Amino acid sequence: MSTKLTLTVEKSVIERAKSYAKSTGRSLSELVESYLETITQEGDEEQLSPKLKKIVGAVKLPKNFDEKKELRAYLEKKHL
């Protein structure tokens, strides 16, 4: 069951949110509901979204893979 909710938000934030919603084909209400659902989920805080669950395991990395080292190397290559 849906219920109306009145929020007070800065005008510029609303304008950006409406633009984002339009560009993603969703309503502003859907975005707010999704956000509220995400931050209020009970249980494991590390719970994965359904979309992320679908791709988990798609890439096999070596056991000694150093994520921070690889990210640093990528960013240095990109920006230097």
Protein backbone atom coordinates (compact mmCIF):
# COMPACT_ATOMS: atom_id res chain seq x y z
CA MET A 1 0.00 0.00 0.00
CA SER A 2 1.40 3.38 -0.98
CA THR A 3 1.16 6.41 1.28
CA LYS A 4 1.82 10.07 0.47
CA LEU A 5 4.88 11.70 2.00
CA THR A 6 5.73 15.40 2.03
CA LEU A 7 9.41 16.33 2.12
CA THR A 8 11.23 19.64 2.32
CA VAL A 9 14.28 19.56 0.06
CA GLU A 10 16.48 22.25 -1.49
CA LYS A 11 15.16 23.30 -4.88
CA SER A 12 18.46 22.59 -6.66
CA VAL A 13 18.52 19.06 -5.24
CA ILE A 14 14.97 18.43 -6.45
CA GLU A 15 15.82 19.69 -9.92
CA ARG A 16 18.89 17.43 -10.17
CA ALA A 17 16.93 14.48 -8.79
CA LYS A 18 14.13 14.99 -11.31
CA SER A 19 16.65 15.18 -14.13
CA TYR A 20 18.35 11.99 -12.91
CA ALA A 21 15.02 10.22 -12.56
CA LYS A 22 14.02 11.19 -16.08
CA SER A 23 17.35 10.08 -17.54
CA THR A 24 17.02 6.67 -15.84
CA GLY A 25 13.36 6.22 -16.78
CA ARG A 26 12.17 6.20 -13.18
CA SER A 27 9.97 8.46 -11.11
CA LEU A 28 11.26 10.58 -8.26
CA SER A 29 9.01 8.57 -5.95
CA GLU A 30 10.68 5.35 -7.11
CA LEU A 31 14.12 6.79 -6.40
CA VAL A 32 13.17 7.93 -2.91
CA GLU A 33 11.44 4.64 -2.12
CA SER A 34 14.44 2.66 -3.35
CA TYR A 35 16.81 4.76 -1.25
CA LEU A 36 14.66 4.44 1.87
CA GLU A 37 14.35 0.70 1.31
CA THR A 38 18.12 0.38 0.99
CA ILE A 39 19.00 2.30 4.15
CA THR A 40 16.34 0.64 6.28
CA GLN A 41 16.93 -3.01 5.34
CA GLU A 42 17.19 -5.24 8.35
CA GLY A 43 19.75 -7.95 8.67
CA ASP A 44 23.22 -8.15 7.25
CA GLU A 45 24.52 -4.72 6.29
CA GLU A 46 26.75 -6.38 3.73
CA GLN A 47 23.70 -7.77 1.90
CA LEU A 48 24.13 -7.65 -1.87
CA SER A 49 21.58 -6.16 -4.24
CA PRO A 50 19.86 -8.59 -6.64
CA LYS A 51 21.74 -7.08 -9.60
CA LEU A 52 25.08 -7.50 -7.85
CA LYS A 53 24.23 -11.06 -6.82
CA LYS A 54 23.83 -11.94 -10.50
CA ILE A 55 27.40 -10.95 -11.34
CA VAL A 56 29.18 -12.17 -8.21
CA GLY A 57 31.61 -14.86 -9.26
CA ALA A 58 31.61 -13.81 -12.91
CA VAL A 59 35.27 -12.81 -12.60
CA LYS A 60 37.80 -15.12 -10.99
CA LEU A 61 40.70 -13.28 -9.35
CA PRO A 62 43.89 -14.81 -8.00
CA LYS A 63 43.94 -15.38 -4.25
CA ASN A 64 46.81 -12.91 -3.85
CA PHE A 65 44.99 -10.14 -5.78
CA ASP A 66 45.70 -6.76 -4.13
CA GLU A 67 42.72 -4.54 -4.91
CA LYS A 68 44.29 -1.37 -3.48
CA LYS A 69 47.50 -1.88 -5.44
CA GLU A 70 45.62 -2.49 -8.69
CA LEU A 71 43.35 0.51 -8.15
CA ARG A 72 46.35 2.73 -7.40
CA ALA A 73 48.14 1.53 -10.54
CA TYR A 74 45.04 2.09 -12.67
CA LEU A 75 44.51 5.62 -11.34
CA GLU A 76 48.17 6.53 -11.77
CA LYS A 77 48.09 5.33 -15.37
CA LYS A 78 44.85 7.18 -16.03
CA HIS A 79 45.82 10.50 -14.47
CA LEU A 80 49.59 10.71 -14.95
